[in-house]
Amino acid sequence: GEREFGYHNAGGYMNMMLGLALAFPAEIVAVHLLVSQWSVP
């Protein structure tokens, strides 16, 4: 009996999340390699 209204696409939120999803893996690997030269822990 409830009528649903989505909000995950409003304001470009999901587009931003997709962009972060694409950038995060490369950024995590790059930061790890960079910081590991100074301190592995």
PDB file of all heavy atoms in Angstrom:
ATOM      1  N   GLY A   1       0.788  -1.222   0.000  1.00  0.00           N
ATOM      2  CA  GLY A   1       0.000   0.000   0.000  1.00  0.00           C
ATOM      3  C   GLY A   1       0.818   1.269   0.000  1.00  0.00           C
ATOM      4  O   GLY A   1       0.255   2.370  -0.059  1.00  0.00           O
ATOM      5  N   GLU A   2       2.130   1.148   0.077  1.00  0.00           N
ATOM      6  CA  GLU A   2       2.990   2.327   0.058  1.00  0.00           C
ATOM      7  C   GLU A   2       3.475   2.615  -1.354  1.00  0.00           C
ATOM      8  O   GLU A   2       3.792   1.698  -2.112  1.00  0.00           O
ATOM      9  CB  GLU A   2       4.196   2.130   0.985  1.00  0.00           C
ATOM     10  CG  GLU A   2       3.841   2.065   2.455  1.00  0.00           C
ATOM     11  CD  GLU A   2       5.067   1.896   3.327  1.00  0.00           C
ATOM     12  OE1 GLU A   2       6.070   1.334   2.841  1.00  0.00           O
ATOM     13  OE2 GLU A   2       5.020   2.322   4.506  1.00  0.00           O
ATOM     14  N   ARG A   3       3.547   3.883  -1.682  1.00  0.00           N
ATOM     15  CA  ARG A   3       4.025   4.314  -2.994  1.00  0.00           C
ATOM     16  C   ARG A   3       5.476   4.767  -2.867  1.00  0.00           C
ATOM     17  O   ARG A   3       5.796   5.646  -2.068  1.00  0.00           O
ATOM     18  CB  ARG A   3       3.154   5.459  -3.516  1.00  0.00           C
ATOM     19  CG  ARG A   3       3.491   5.882  -4.939  1.00  0.00           C
ATOM     20  CD  ARG A   3       2.510   6.918  -5.433  1.00  0.00           C
ATOM     21  NE  ARG A   3       2.904   7.445  -6.746  1.00  0.00           N
ATOM     22  CZ  ARG A   3       2.251   8.415  -7.384  1.00  0.00           C
ATOM     23  NH1 ARG A   3       1.165   8.950  -6.819  1.00  0.00           N
ATOM     24  NH2 ARG A   3       2.670   8.841  -8.554  1.00  0.00           N
ATOM     25  N   GLU A   4       6.355   4.164  -3.658  1.00  0.00           N
ATOM     26  CA  GLU A   4       7.794   4.400  -3.528  1.00  0.00           C
ATOM     27  C   GLU A   4       8.248   5.581  -4.388  1.00  0.00           C
ATOM     28  O   GLU A   4       7.766   5.784  -5.500  1.00  0.00           O
ATOM     29  CB  GLU A   4       8.576   3.161  -3.944  1.00  0.00           C
ATOM     30  CG  GLU A   4       8.227   1.909  -3.154  1.00  0.00           C
ATOM     31  CD  GLU A   4       8.971   0.696  -3.688  1.00  0.00           C
ATOM     32  OE1 GLU A   4       9.998   0.889  -4.369  1.00  0.00           O
ATOM     33  OE2 GLU A   4       8.516  -0.434  -3.440  1.00  0.00           O
ATOM     34  N   PHE A   5       9.214   6.325  -3.836  1.00  0.00           N
ATOM     35  CA  PHE A   5       9.859   7.417  -4.574  1.00  0.00           C
ATOM     36  C   PHE A   5      11.368   7.307  -4.351  1.00  0.00           C
ATOM     37  O   PHE A   5      11.855   7.443  -3.225  1.00  0.00           O
ATOM     38  CB  PHE A   5       9.344   8.779  -4.101  1.00  0.00           C
ATOM     39  CG  PHE A   5       7.905   9.029  -4.438  1.00  0.00           C
ATOM     40  CD1 PHE A   5       6.901   8.657  -3.563  1.00  0.00           C
ATOM     41  CD2 PHE A   5       7.561   9.614  -5.652  1.00  0.00           C
ATOM     42  CE1 PHE A   5       5.574   8.870  -3.881  1.00  0.00           C
ATOM     43  CE2 PHE A   5       6.232   9.833  -5.980  1.00  0.00           C
ATOM     44  CZ  PHE A   5       5.236   9.452  -5.093  1.00  0.00           C
ATOM     45  N   GLY A   6      12.080   7.035  -5.431  1.00  0.00           N
ATOM     46  CA  GLY A   6      13.519   6.911  -5.328  1.00  0.00           C
ATOM     47  C   GLY A   6      14.202   8.260  -5.189  1.00  0.00           C
ATOM     48  O   GLY A   6      13.682   9.297  -5.600  1.00  0.00           O
ATOM     49  N   TYR A   7      15.393   8.237  -4.609  1.00  0.00           N
ATOM     50  CA  TYR A   7      16.171   9.473  -4.459  1.00  0.00           C
ATOM     51  C   TYR A   7      17.655   9.231  -4.706  1.00  0.00           C
ATOM     52  O   TYR A   7      18.463  10.150  -4.578  1.00  0.00           O
ATOM     53  CB  TYR A   7      15.971  10.067  -3.055  1.00  0.00           C
ATOM     54  CG  TYR A   7      16.277   9.129  -1.920  1.00  0.00           C
ATOM     55  CD1 TYR A   7      17.553   9.060  -1.354  1.00  0.00           C
ATOM     56  CD2 TYR A   7      15.304   8.284  -1.398  1.00  0.00           C
ATOM     57  CE1 TYR A   7      17.839   8.203  -0.319  1.00  0.00           C
ATOM     58  CE2 TYR A   7      15.574   7.415  -0.367  1.00  0.00           C
ATOM     59  CZ  TYR A   7      16.838   7.379   0.172  1.00  0.00           C
ATOM     60  OH  TYR A   7      17.116   6.514   1.199  1.00  0.00           O
ATOM     61  N   HIS A   8      18.026   8.008  -5.075  1.00  0.00           N
ATOM     62  CA  HIS A   8      19.448   7.717  -5.254  1.00  0.00           C
ATOM     63  C   HIS A   8      20.027   8.376  -6.506  1.00  0.00           C
ATOM     64  O   HIS A   8      21.239   8.580  -6.602  1.00  0.00           O
ATOM     65  CB  HIS A   8      19.684   6.206  -5.302  1.00  0.00           C
ATOM     66  CG  HIS A   8      18.885   5.494  -6.350  1.00  0.00           C
ATOM     67  ND1 HIS A   8      17.530   5.233  -6.207  1.00  0.00           N
ATOM     68  CD2 HIS A   8      19.238   4.995  -7.560  1.00  0.00           C
ATOM     69  CE1 HIS A   8      17.094   4.596  -7.284  1.00  0.00           C
ATOM     70  NE2 HIS A   8      18.110   4.442  -8.116  1.00  0.00           N
ATOM     71  N   ASN A   9      19.162   8.722  -7.485  1.00  0.00           N
ATOM     72  CA  ASN A   9      19.653   9.397  -8.689  1.00  0.00           C
ATOM     73  C   ASN A   9      19.516  10.913  -8.613  1.00  0.00           C
ATOM     74  O   ASN A   9      20.004  11.623  -9.491  1.00  0.00           O
ATOM     75  CB  ASN A   9      18.882   8.891  -9.922  1.00  0.00           C
ATOM     76  CG  ASN A   9      19.283   7.471 -10.296  1.00  0.00           C
ATOM     77  OD1 ASN A   9      20.444   7.103 -10.184  1.00  0.00           O
ATOM     78  ND2 ASN A   9      18.310   6.676 -10.730  1.00  0.00           N
ATOM     79  N   ALA A  10      18.834  11.405  -7.586  1.00  0.00           N
ATOM     80  CA  ALA A  10      18.562  12.840  -7.503  1.00  0.00           C
ATOM     81  C   ALA A  10      19.852  13.626  -7.288  1.00  0.00           C
ATOM     82  O   ALA A  10      20.734  13.229  -6.515  1.00  0.00           O
ATOM     83  CB  ALA A  10      17.591  13.115  -6.346  1.00  0.00           C
ATOM     84  N   GLY A  11      19.976  14.748  -7.985  1.00  0.00           N
ATOM     85  CA  GLY A  11      21.109  15.636  -7.804  1.00  0.00           C
ATOM     86  C   GLY A  11      22.425  15.096  -8.310  1.00  0.00           C
ATOM     87  O   GLY A  11      23.479  15.622  -7.970  1.00  0.00           O
ATOM     88  N   GLY A  12      22.390  14.020  -9.084  1.00  0.00           N
ATOM     89  CA  GLY A  12      23.623  13.450  -9.614  1.00  0.00           C
ATOM     90  C   GLY A  12      24.422  12.651  -8.607  1.00  0.00           C
ATOM     91  O   GLY A  12      25.616  12.393  -8.819  1.00  0.00           O
ATOM     92  N   TYR A  13      23.775  12.222  -7.506  1.00  0.00           N
ATOM     93  CA  TYR A  13      24.494  11.495  -6.462  1.00  0.00           C
ATOM     94  C   TYR A  13      25.067  10.180  -6.987  1.00  0.00           C
ATOM     95  O   TYR A  13      26.240   9.860  -6.767  1.00  0.00           O
ATOM     96  CB  TYR A  13      23.562  11.232  -5.278  1.00  0.00           C
ATOM     97  CG  TYR A  13      24.213  10.426  -4.168  1.00  0.00           C
ATOM     98  CD1 TYR A  13      25.001  11.041  -3.212  1.00  0.00           C
ATOM     99  CD2 TYR A  13      24.036   9.045  -4.097  1.00  0.00           C
ATOM    100  CE1 TYR A  13      25.611  10.303  -2.200  1.00  0.00           C
ATOM    101  CE2 TYR A  13      24.639   8.301  -3.095  1.00  0.00           C
ATOM    102  CZ  TYR A  13      25.417   8.930  -2.151  1.00  0.00           C
ATOM    103  OH  TYR A  13      26.020   8.193  -1.165  1.00  0.00           O
ATOM    104  N   MET A  14      24.250   9.394  -7.684  1.00  0.00           N
ATOM    105  CA  MET A  14      24.717   8.096  -8.137  1.00  0.00           C
ATOM    106  C   MET A  14      25.808   8.238  -9.199  1.00  0.00           C
ATOM    107  O   MET A  14      26.725   7.415  -9.267  1.00  0.00           O
ATOM    108  CB  MET A  14      23.549   7.277  -8.680  1.00  0.00           C
ATOM    109  CG  MET A  14      23.866   5.800  -8.850  1.00  0.00           C
ATOM    110  SD  MET A  14      24.448   4.994  -7.320  1.00  0.00           S
ATOM    111  CE  MET A  14      22.989   5.109  -6.299  1.00  0.00           C
ATOM    112  N   ASN A  15      25.727   9.263 -10.020  1.00  0.00           N
ATOM    113  CA  ASN A  15      26.795   9.494 -10.999  1.00  0.00           C
ATOM    114  C   ASN A  15      28.124   9.770 -10.303  1.00  0.00           C
ATOM    115  O   ASN A  15      29.180   9.288 -10.742  1.00  0.00           O
ATOM    116  CB  ASN A  15      26.433  10.665 -11.906  1.00  0.00           C
ATOM    117  CG  ASN A  15      25.257  10.355 -12.811  1.00  0.00           C
ATOM    118  OD1 ASN A  15      25.021   9.191 -13.145  1.00  0.00           O
ATOM    119  ND2 ASN A  15      24.517  11.378 -13.202  1.00  0.00           N
ATOM    120  N   MET A  16      28.061  10.543  -9.210  1.00  0.00           N
ATOM    121  CA  MET A  16      29.281  10.803  -8.453  1.00  0.00           C
ATOM    122  C   MET A  16      29.828   9.513  -7.858  1.00  0.00           C
ATOM    123  O   MET A  16      31.047   9.262  -7.875  1.00  0.00           O
ATOM    124  CB  MET A  16      29.004  11.807  -7.340  1.00  0.00           C
ATOM    125  CG  MET A  16      30.248  12.175  -6.530  1.00  0.00           C
ATOM    126  SD  MET A  16      29.860  12.869  -4.896  1.00  0.00           S
ATOM    127  CE  MET A  16      29.245  11.409  -4.046  1.00  0.00           C
ATOM    128  N   MET A  17      28.945   8.647  -7.337  1.00  0.00           N
ATOM    129  CA  MET A  17      29.378   7.394  -6.744  1.00  0.00           C
ATOM    130  C   MET A  17      30.015   6.481  -7.784  1.00  0.00           C
ATOM    131  O   MET A  17      31.007   5.796  -7.502  1.00  0.00           O
ATOM    132  CB  MET A  17      28.186   6.688  -6.082  1.00  0.00           C
ATOM    133  CG  MET A  17      27.615   7.449  -4.899  1.00  0.00           C
ATOM    134  SD  MET A  17      28.839   7.799  -3.618  1.00  0.00           S
ATOM    135  CE  MET A  17      29.361   6.145  -3.205  1.00  0.00           C
ATOM    136  N   LEU A  18      29.461   6.466  -8.994  1.00  0.00           N
ATOM    137  CA  LEU A  18      30.051   5.651 -10.053  1.00  0.00           C
ATOM    138  C   LEU A  18      31.442   6.162 -10.425  1.00  0.00           C
ATOM    139  O   LEU A  18      32.362   5.383 -10.674  1.00  0.00           O
ATOM    140  CB  LEU A  18      29.132   5.646 -11.280  1.00  0.00           C
ATOM    141  CG  LEU A  18      27.801   4.906 -11.119  1.00  0.00           C
ATOM    142  CD1 LEU A  18      26.933   5.102 -12.354  1.00  0.00           C
ATOM    143  CD2 LEU A  18      28.040   3.410 -10.876  1.00  0.00           C
ATOM    144  N   GLY A  19      31.581   7.484 -10.448  1.00  0.00           N
ATOM    145  CA  GLY A  19      32.898   8.056 -10.721  1.00  0.00           C
ATOM    146  C   GLY A  19      33.913   7.675  -9.650  1.00  0.00           C
ATOM    147  O   GLY A  19      35.056   7.325  -9.960  1.00  0.00           O
ATOM    148  N   LEU A  20      33.487   7.725  -8.372  1.00  0.00           N
ATOM    149  CA  LEU A  20      34.378   7.317  -7.292  1.00  0.00           C
ATOM    150  C   LEU A  20      34.717   5.840  -7.375  1.00  0.00           C
ATOM    151  O   LEU A  20      35.851   5.430  -7.083  1.00  0.00           O
ATOM    152  CB  LEU A  20      33.733   7.631  -5.937  1.00  0.00           C
ATOM    153  CG  LEU A  20      33.632   9.111  -5.551  1.00  0.00           C
ATOM    154  CD1 LEU A  20      32.876   9.254  -4.245  1.00  0.00           C
ATOM    155  CD2 LEU A  20      35.023   9.723  -5.424  1.00  0.00           C
ATOM    156  N   ALA A  21      33.735   5.028  -7.773  1.00  0.00           N
ATOM    157  CA  ALA A  21      33.971   3.588  -7.890  1.00  0.00           C
ATOM    158  C   ALA A  21      35.035   3.284  -8.933  1.00  0.00           C
ATOM    159  O   ALA A  21      35.820   2.341  -8.789  1.00  0.00           O
ATOM    160  CB  ALA A  21      32.672   2.869  -8.227  1.00  0.00           C
ATOM    161  N   LEU A  22      35.067   4.085 -10.002  1.00  0.00           N
ATOM    162  CA  LEU A  22      36.076   3.878 -11.042  1.00  0.00           C
ATOM    163  C   LEU A  22      37.448   4.383 -10.595  1.00  0.00           C
ATOM    164  O   LEU A  22      38.484   3.806 -10.948  1.00  0.00           O
ATOM    165  CB  LEU A  22      35.648   4.593 -12.321  1.00  0.00           C
ATOM    166  CG  LEU A  22      34.397   4.034 -13.022  1.00  0.00           C
ATOM    167  CD1 LEU A  22      34.010   4.919 -14.193  1.00  0.00           C
ATOM    168  CD2 LEU A  22      34.630   2.600 -13.487  1.00  0.00           C
ATOM    169  N   ALA A  23      37.453   5.464  -9.805  1.00  0.00           N
ATOM    170  CA  ALA A  23      38.728   6.069  -9.419  1.00  0.00           C
ATOM    171  C   ALA A  23      39.355   5.416  -8.195  1.00  0.00           C
ATOM    172  O   ALA A  23      40.584   5.406  -8.050  1.00  0.00           O
ATOM    173  CB  ALA A  23      38.524   7.562  -9.156  1.00  0.00           C
ATOM    174  N   PHE A  24      38.530   4.872  -7.295  1.00  0.00           N
ATOM    175  CA  PHE A  24      39.031   4.362  -6.030  1.00  0.00           C
ATOM    176  C   PHE A  24      40.091   3.269  -6.170  1.00  0.00           C
ATOM    177  O   PHE A  24      41.136   3.337  -5.510  1.00  0.00           O
ATOM    178  CB  PHE A  24      37.860   3.871  -5.168  1.00  0.00           C
ATOM    179  CG  PHE A  24      37.648   4.703  -3.940  1.00  0.00           C
ATOM    180  CD1 PHE A  24      37.505   6.073  -4.039  1.00  0.00           C
ATOM    181  CD2 PHE A  24      37.608   4.122  -2.681  1.00  0.00           C
ATOM    182  CE1 PHE A  24      37.315   6.856  -2.914  1.00  0.00           C
ATOM    183  CE2 PHE A  24      37.426   4.896  -1.553  1.00  0.00           C
ATOM    184  CZ  PHE A  24      37.280   6.265  -1.670  1.00  0.00           C
ATOM    185  N   PRO A  25      39.870   2.216  -6.978  1.00  0.00           N
ATOM    186  CA  PRO A  25      40.886   1.145  -7.044  1.00  0.00           C
ATOM    187  C   PRO A  25      42.257   1.653  -7.449  1.00  0.00           C
ATOM    188  O   PRO A  25      43.274   1.321  -6.807  1.00  0.00           O
ATOM    189  CB  PRO A  25      40.301   0.181  -8.089  1.00  0.00           C
ATOM    190  CG  PRO A  25      38.831   0.424  -8.049  1.00  0.00           C
ATOM    191  CD  PRO A  25      38.684   1.889  -7.790  1.00  0.00           C
ATOM    192  N   ALA A  26      42.300   2.467  -8.508  1.00  0.00           N
ATOM    193  CA  ALA A  26      43.596   2.991  -8.961  1.00  0.00           C
ATOM    194  C   ALA A  26      44.226   3.889  -7.897  1.00  0.00           C
ATOM    195  O   ALA A  26      45.445   3.833  -7.657  1.00  0.00           O
ATOM    196  CB  ALA A  26      43.416   3.758 -10.263  1.00  0.00           C
ATOM    197  N   GLU A  27      43.404   4.684  -7.236  1.00  0.00           N
ATOM    198  CA  GLU A  27      43.934   5.596  -6.211  1.00  0.00           C
ATOM    199  C   GLU A  27      44.471   4.816  -5.013  1.00  0.00           C
ATOM    200  O   GLU A  27      45.536   5.143  -4.473  1.00  0.00           O
ATOM    201  CB  GLU A  27      42.832   6.551  -5.762  1.00  0.00           C
ATOM    202  CG  GLU A  27      43.281   7.548  -4.709  1.00  0.00           C
ATOM    203  CD  GLU A  27      42.158   8.453  -4.256  1.00  0.00           C
ATOM    204  OE1 GLU A  27      41.100   8.458  -4.921  1.00  0.00           O
ATOM    205  OE2 GLU A  27      42.330   9.146  -3.256  1.00  0.00           O
ATOM    206  N   ILE A  28      43.743   3.773  -4.596  1.00  0.00           N
ATOM    207  CA  ILE A  28      44.185   2.988  -3.442  1.00  0.00           C
ATOM    208  C   ILE A  28      45.533   2.321  -3.734  1.00  0.00           C
ATOM    209  O   ILE A  28      46.443   2.330  -2.907  1.00  0.00           O
ATOM    210  CB  ILE A  28      43.115   1.934  -3.085  1.00  0.00           C
ATOM    211  CG1 ILE A  28      41.872   2.625  -2.494  1.00  0.00           C
ATOM    212  CG2 ILE A  28      43.665   0.928  -2.084  1.00  0.00           C
ATOM    213  CD1 ILE A  28      40.714   1.694  -2.230  1.00  0.00           C
ATOM    214  N   VAL A  29      45.646   1.722  -4.935  1.00  0.00           N
ATOM    215  CA  VAL A  29      46.901   1.058  -5.300  1.00  0.00           C
ATOM    216  C   VAL A  29      48.048   2.065  -5.381  1.00  0.00           C
ATOM    217  O   VAL A  29      49.151   1.819  -4.870  1.00  0.00           O
ATOM    218  CB  VAL A  29      46.745   0.306  -6.640  1.00  0.00           C
ATOM    219  CG1 VAL A  29      48.086  -0.232  -7.108  1.00  0.00           C
ATOM    220  CG2 VAL A  29      45.744  -0.826  -6.491  1.00  0.00           C
ATOM    221  N   ALA A  30      47.788   3.214  -6.004  1.00  0.00           N
ATOM    222  CA  ALA A  30      48.844   4.224  -6.155  1.00  0.00           C
ATOM    223  C   ALA A  30      49.309   4.747  -4.802  1.00  0.00           C
ATOM    224  O   ALA A  30      50.520   4.882  -4.547  1.00  0.00           O
ATOM    225  CB  ALA A  30      48.341   5.363  -7.030  1.00  0.00           C
ATOM    226  N   VAL A  31      48.359   5.054  -3.911  1.00  0.00           N
ATOM    227  CA  VAL A  31      48.724   5.572  -2.588  1.00  0.00           C
ATOM    228  C   VAL A  31      49.478   4.515  -1.789  1.00  0.00           C
ATOM    229  O   VAL A  31      50.454   4.811  -1.083  1.00  0.00           O
ATOM    230  CB  VAL A  31      47.466   6.047  -1.841  1.00  0.00           C
ATOM    231  CG1 VAL A  31      47.798   6.387  -0.392  1.00  0.00           C
ATOM    232  CG2 VAL A  31      46.866   7.263  -2.531  1.00  0.00           C
ATOM    233  N   HIS A  32      49.055   3.264  -1.906  1.00  0.00           N
ATOM    234  CA  HIS A  32      49.735   2.183  -1.182  1.00  0.00           C
ATOM    235  C   HIS A  32      51.193   2.060  -1.632  1.00  0.00           C
ATOM    236  O   HIS A  32      52.111   1.966  -0.801  1.00  0.00           O
ATOM    237  CB  HIS A  32      49.007   0.868  -1.399  1.00  0.00           C
ATOM    238  CG  HIS A  32      49.665  -0.299  -0.717  1.00  0.00           C
ATOM    239  ND1 HIS A  32      49.436  -0.615   0.596  1.00  0.00           N
ATOM    240  CD2 HIS A  32      50.576  -1.209  -1.176  1.00  0.00           C
ATOM    241  CE1 HIS A  32      50.162  -1.666   0.934  1.00  0.00           C
ATOM    242  NE2 HIS A  32      50.864  -2.047  -0.132  1.00  0.00           N
ATOM    243  N   LEU A  33      51.421   2.070  -2.945  1.00  0.00           N
ATOM    244  CA  LEU A  33      52.780   1.944  -3.458  1.00  0.00           C
ATOM    245  C   LEU A  33      53.641   3.135  -3.049  1.00  0.00           C
ATOM    246  O   LEU A  33      54.825   2.985  -2.732  1.00  0.00           O
ATOM    247  CB  LEU A  33      52.752   1.808  -4.983  1.00  0.00           C
ATOM    248  CG  LEU A  33      52.108   0.514  -5.528  1.00  0.00           C
ATOM    249  CD1 LEU A  33      52.037   0.556  -7.041  1.00  0.00           C
ATOM    250  CD2 LEU A  33      52.880  -0.707  -5.051  1.00  0.00           C
ATOM    251  N   LEU A  34      53.032   4.319  -3.043  1.00  0.00           N
ATOM    252  CA  LEU A  34      53.776   5.518  -2.678  1.00  0.00           C
ATOM    253  C   LEU A  34      54.163   5.514  -1.206  1.00  0.00           C
ATOM    254  O   LEU A  34      55.330   5.736  -0.846  1.00  0.00           O
ATOM    255  CB  LEU A  34      52.953   6.758  -3.012  1.00  0.00           C
ATOM    256  CG  LEU A  34      53.583   8.116  -2.679  1.00  0.00           C
ATOM    257  CD1 LEU A  34      54.861   8.313  -3.488  1.00  0.00           C
ATOM    258  CD2 LEU A  34      52.588   9.248  -2.940  1.00  0.00           C
ATOM    259  N   VAL A  35      53.201   5.231  -0.342  1.00  0.00           N
ATOM    260  CA  VAL A  35      53.453   5.275   1.099  1.00  0.00           C
ATOM    261  C   VAL A  35      54.344   4.120   1.532  1.00  0.00           C
ATOM    262  O   VAL A  35      55.137   4.253   2.478  1.00  0.00           O
ATOM    263  CB  VAL A  35      52.115   5.272   1.871  1.00  0.00           C
ATOM    264  CG1 VAL A  35      52.360   5.234   3.384  1.00  0.00           C
ATOM    265  CG2 VAL A  35      51.284   6.493   1.513  1.00  0.00           C
ATOM    266  N   SER A  36      54.257   2.962   0.859  1.00  0.00           N
ATOM    267  CA  SER A  36      55.061   1.798   1.246  1.00  0.00           C
ATOM    268  C   SER A  36      56.553   2.060   1.093  1.00  0.00           C
ATOM    269  O   SER A  36      57.366   1.394   1.741  1.00  0.00           O
ATOM    270  CB  SER A  36      54.655   0.584   0.422  1.00  0.00           C
ATOM    271  OG  SER A  36      54.900   0.800  -0.954  1.00  0.00           O
ATOM    272  N   GLN A  37      56.917   3.010   0.251  1.00  0.00           N
ATOM    273  CA  GLN A  37      58.336   3.348   0.123  1.00  0.00           C
ATOM    274  C   GLN A  37      58.860   4.021   1.384  1.00  0.00           C
ATOM    275  O   GLN A  37      60.061   3.984   1.655  1.00  0.00           O
ATOM    276  CB  GLN A  37      58.540   4.258  -1.084  1.00  0.00           C
ATOM    277  CG  GLN A  37      58.183   3.602  -2.415  1.00  0.00           C
ATOM    278  CD  GLN A  37      58.385   4.541  -3.593  1.00  0.00           C
ATOM    279  OE1 GLN A  37      58.917   5.636  -3.444  1.00  0.00           O
ATOM    280  NE2 GLN A  37      57.971   4.099  -4.774  1.00  0.00           N
ATOM    281  N   TRP A  38      57.966   4.631   2.123  1.00  0.00           N
ATOM    282  CA  TRP A  38      58.344   5.291   3.371  1.00  0.00           C
ATOM    283  C   TRP A  38      58.131   4.379   4.579  1.00  0.00           C
ATOM    284  O   TRP A  38      58.983   4.252   5.437  1.00  0.00           O
ATOM    285  CB  TRP A  38      57.539   6.580   3.521  1.00  0.00           C
ATOM    286  CG  TRP A  38      57.628   7.192   4.885  1.00  0.00           C
ATOM    287  CD1 TRP A  38      58.741   7.702   5.487  1.00  0.00           C
ATOM    288  CD2 TRP A  38      56.563   7.325   5.824  1.00  0.00           C
ATOM    289  NE1 TRP A  38      58.436   8.149   6.752  1.00  0.00           N
ATOM    290  CE2 TRP A  38      57.102   7.935   6.982  1.00  0.00           C
ATOM    291  CE3 TRP A  38      55.209   6.997   5.817  1.00  0.00           C
ATOM    292  CZ2 TRP A  38      56.342   8.213   8.099  1.00  0.00           C
ATOM    293  CZ3 TRP A  38      54.442   7.284   6.921  1.00  0.00           C
ATOM    294  CH2 TRP A  38      55.003   7.889   8.049  1.00  0.00           C
ATOM    295  N   SER A  39      56.926   3.713   4.619  1.00  0.00           N
ATOM    296  CA  SER A  39      56.621   2.832   5.746  1.00  0.00           C
ATOM    297  C   SER A  39      55.585   1.798   5.305  1.00  0.00           C
ATOM    298  O   SER A  39      54.461   2.171   4.930  1.00  0.00           O
ATOM    299  CB  SER A  39      56.088   3.640   6.935  1.00  0.00           C
ATOM    300  OG  SER A  39      55.608   2.788   7.952  1.00  0.00           O
ATOM    301  N   VAL A  40      55.948   0.529   5.386  1.00  0.00           N
ATOM    302  CA  VAL A  40      55.018  -0.535   4.993  1.00  0.00           C
ATOM    303  C   VAL A  40      53.820  -0.616   5.957  1.00  0.00           C
ATOM    304  O   VAL A  40      52.674  -0.713   5.514  1.00  0.00           O
ATOM    305  CB  VAL A  40      55.752  -1.886   4.911  1.00  0.00           C
ATOM    306  CG1 VAL A  40      54.752  -3.023   4.679  1.00  0.00           C
ATOM    307  CG2 VAL A  40      56.778  -1.853   3.786  1.00  0.00           C
ATOM    308  N   PRO A  41      54.038  -0.577   7.288  1.00  0.00           N
ATOM    309  CA  PRO A  41      52.869  -0.592   8.190  1.00  0.00           C
ATOM    310  C   PRO A  41      51.906   0.563   7.933  1.00  0.00           C
ATOM    311  O   PRO A  41      50.682   0.379   7.951  1.00  0.00           O
ATOM    312  CB  PRO A  41      53.499  -0.493   9.588  1.00  0.00           C
ATOM    313  CG  PRO A  41      54.875  -1.053   9.420  1.00  0.00           C
ATOM    314  CD  PRO A  41      55.305  -0.630   8.058  1.00  0.00           C
TER     315      PRO A  41
END
